[in-house]
Amino acid sequence: MRIKLFAATVLMIVYLVLAYIAEIIEFPFLGMDEGLCTFLITFVYILIITYPSLASYQYVYFSDEGESIVFRYFTAGIIGGKKNSVEIPKAAYKGYKIEMELLGLRQYITLYQKVGPGIAQYPPIYISALNNKEKGKVVEALEKILA
């Protein structure tokens, strides 16, 4: 993700240098005048750099080795977030729930743990950045522990 953001930034800077400083790009370019071309390129650049934030992308590490379930995660995007960790003993694990927001753009998992006489709910862990195969592996592992 960070490589894509870096590449988008480099391409934006290259365009600005070629169009406005070196004046190598001659307008109209592809049938667009200077203002429209710059607007479209800037709009696409902003979409690329804000998408991870809109989708609440988080880098997620999951492990079910040993006696605990471990999720380690931190927010992706231009401004990284603090690192978080959830560790639940398998004996106290009571399930999970996967939910979606913003028409499926954001997807998150909520974990539950038995604490004393009740059940505690952890804050959501956004799994939007995981592909379907990775999500399937996490769900399969969590279901196996419940069985």
Protein backbone atom coordinates (compact mmCIF):
# COMPACT_ATOMS: atom_id res chain seq x y z
CA MET A 1 0.00 0.00 0.00
CA ARG A 2 2.73 2.46 0.91
CA ILE A 3 4.52 1.68 -2.36
CA LYS A 4 1.34 2.54 -4.31
CA LEU A 5 0.99 5.81 -2.41
CA PHE A 6 4.64 6.63 -3.05
CA ALA A 7 4.31 5.79 -6.77
CA ALA A 8 1.19 7.97 -7.09
CA THR A 9 3.03 10.86 -5.43
CA VAL A 10 6.05 10.48 -7.71
CA LEU A 11 3.83 10.38 -10.82
CA MET A 12 1.97 13.50 -9.66
CA ILE A 13 5.25 15.37 -9.13
CA VAL A 14 6.56 14.21 -12.53
CA TYR A 15 3.38 15.48 -14.22
CA LEU A 16 3.63 18.86 -12.48
CA VAL A 17 7.31 19.22 -13.43
CA LEU A 18 6.74 18.19 -17.07
CA ALA A 19 3.62 20.33 -17.50
CA TYR A 20 4.44 23.50 -15.58
CA ILE A 21 8.19 23.79 -14.99
CA ALA A 22 9.80 22.13 -18.03
CA GLU A 23 6.72 22.79 -20.21
CA ILE A 24 7.40 19.56 -22.12
CA ILE A 25 3.74 18.56 -22.19
CA GLU A 26 1.96 20.67 -24.77
CA PHE A 27 -1.70 21.49 -24.34
CA PRO A 28 -4.25 20.60 -25.46
CA PHE A 29 -3.13 17.14 -24.34
CA LEU A 30 -5.38 14.23 -25.32
CA GLY A 31 -8.01 16.79 -26.25
CA MET A 32 -7.94 18.44 -22.80
CA ASP A 33 -6.76 21.90 -21.95
CA GLU A 34 -4.23 22.52 -19.17
CA GLY A 35 -6.76 23.19 -16.40
CA LEU A 36 -8.97 20.16 -17.09
CA CYS A 37 -6.00 17.82 -17.43
CA THR A 38 -4.49 19.03 -14.14
CA PHE A 39 -7.87 18.82 -12.40
CA LEU A 40 -8.44 15.21 -13.51
CA ILE A 41 -4.94 14.07 -12.58
CA THR A 42 -5.19 15.81 -9.20
CA PHE A 43 -8.64 14.27 -8.58
CA VAL A 44 -7.36 10.75 -9.33
CA TYR A 45 -4.31 11.37 -7.11
CA ILE A 46 -6.52 12.48 -4.20
CA LEU A 47 -8.72 9.39 -4.63
CA ILE A 48 -5.67 7.12 -4.57
CA ILE A 49 -4.19 8.64 -1.42
CA THR A 50 -7.48 8.92 0.51
CA TYR A 51 -8.92 5.48 -0.36
CA PRO A 52 -7.01 3.61 2.39
CA SER A 53 -8.32 6.07 4.98
CA LEU A 54 -11.89 5.89 3.69
CA ALA A 55 -11.78 2.10 3.72
CA SER A 56 -10.11 2.11 7.16
CA TYR A 57 -7.29 -0.06 5.90
CA GLN A 58 -5.32 -1.73 8.67
CA TYR A 59 -2.31 -3.97 8.40
CA VAL A 60 -3.40 -7.13 10.21
CA TYR A 61 -1.35 -9.98 11.65
CA PHE A 62 -3.29 -13.01 12.86
CA SER A 63 -2.07 -16.10 14.68
CA ASP A 64 -3.88 -18.96 16.36
CA GLU A 65 -0.73 -20.82 17.35
CA GLY A 66 -0.38 -21.91 20.96
CA GLU A 67 -2.99 -21.25 23.62
CA SER A 68 -4.09 -17.80 22.41
CA ILE A 69 -5.61 -16.03 19.43
CA VAL A 70 -3.51 -13.00 18.51
CA PHE A 71 -4.45 -10.06 16.30
CA ARG A 72 -1.89 -7.29 15.82
CA TYR A 73 -2.89 -4.36 13.65
CA PHE A 74 -2.22 -0.73 12.82
CA THR A 75 -3.82 1.82 10.54
CA ALA A 76 -2.47 2.10 7.00
CA GLY A 77 -2.46 5.18 4.81
CA ILE A 78 -0.56 8.42 4.68
CA ILE A 79 -0.61 8.90 8.43
CA GLY A 80 -0.04 5.60 10.21
CA GLY A 81 -1.76 4.89 13.48
CA LYS A 82 -0.61 3.38 16.73
CA LYS A 83 -0.02 -0.34 16.93
CA ASN A 84 -2.73 -2.37 18.63
CA SER A 85 -2.88 -5.94 19.80
CA VAL A 86 -5.65 -8.29 20.91
CA GLU A 87 -4.72 -11.53 22.62
CA ILE A 88 -7.49 -13.89 23.73
CA PRO A 89 -6.90 -17.23 25.44
CA LYS A 90 -8.56 -19.91 23.35
CA ALA A 91 -10.45 -21.18 26.40
CA ALA A 92 -12.06 -17.73 26.90
CA TYR A 93 -12.81 -17.06 23.20
CA LYS A 94 -16.58 -16.81 22.61
CA GLY A 95 -16.91 -15.88 18.96
CA TYR A 96 -16.71 -13.15 16.38
CA LYS A 97 -18.91 -11.07 14.14
CA ILE A 98 -18.03 -9.62 10.73
CA GLU A 99 -19.84 -6.46 9.67
CA MET A 100 -19.70 -3.98 6.81
CA GLU A 101 -20.07 -0.20 6.53
CA LEU A 102 -20.26 2.27 3.64
CA LEU A 103 -21.79 -0.18 1.16
CA GLY A 104 -19.13 -2.80 1.89
CA LEU A 105 -16.17 -0.43 1.54
CA ARG A 106 -15.26 -1.00 5.19
CA GLN A 107 -15.34 -4.48 6.65
CA TYR A 108 -14.46 -5.27 10.23
CA ILE A 109 -14.38 -8.12 12.68
CA THR A 110 -15.44 -7.88 16.33
CA LEU A 111 -14.12 -10.50 18.77
CA TYR A 112 -15.79 -11.69 21.96
CA GLN A 113 -14.20 -13.08 25.11
CA LYS A 114 -15.65 -14.56 28.28
CA VAL A 115 -14.75 -12.34 31.24
CA GLY A 116 -16.11 -13.37 34.63
CA PRO A 117 -19.88 -13.85 34.40
CA GLY A 118 -20.21 -11.86 31.15
CA ILE A 119 -18.83 -11.52 27.67
CA ALA A 120 -16.52 -8.68 26.63
CA GLN A 121 -16.50 -7.18 23.15
CA TYR A 122 -13.24 -5.92 21.64
CA PRO A 123 -13.07 -2.82 19.45
CA PRO A 124 -13.46 -3.58 15.74
CA ILE A 125 -10.47 -4.69 13.69
CA TYR A 126 -10.85 -3.51 10.10
CA ILE A 127 -10.12 -6.29 7.63
CA SER A 128 -10.92 -4.29 4.47
CA ALA A 129 -7.32 -4.58 3.24
CA LEU A 130 -7.38 -8.39 3.33
CA ASN A 131 -8.30 -10.23 0.16
CA ASN A 132 -11.06 -12.87 0.21
CA LYS A 133 -8.60 -15.76 0.58
CA GLU A 134 -6.97 -14.14 3.64
CA LYS A 135 -10.36 -13.34 5.20
CA GLY A 136 -11.41 -16.94 4.58
CA LYS A 137 -8.35 -18.28 6.39
CA VAL A 138 -9.03 -16.05 9.43
CA VAL A 139 -12.71 -17.07 9.55
CA GLU A 140 -11.82 -20.75 9.13
CA ALA A 141 -9.33 -20.58 12.01
CA LEU A 142 -11.80 -18.75 14.28
CA GLU A 143 -14.58 -21.23 13.46
CA LYS A 144 -12.24 -24.15 14.17
CA ILE A 145 -11.49 -22.76 17.65
CA LEU A 146 -15.24 -22.44 18.39
CA ALA A 147 -15.90 -26.07 17.41
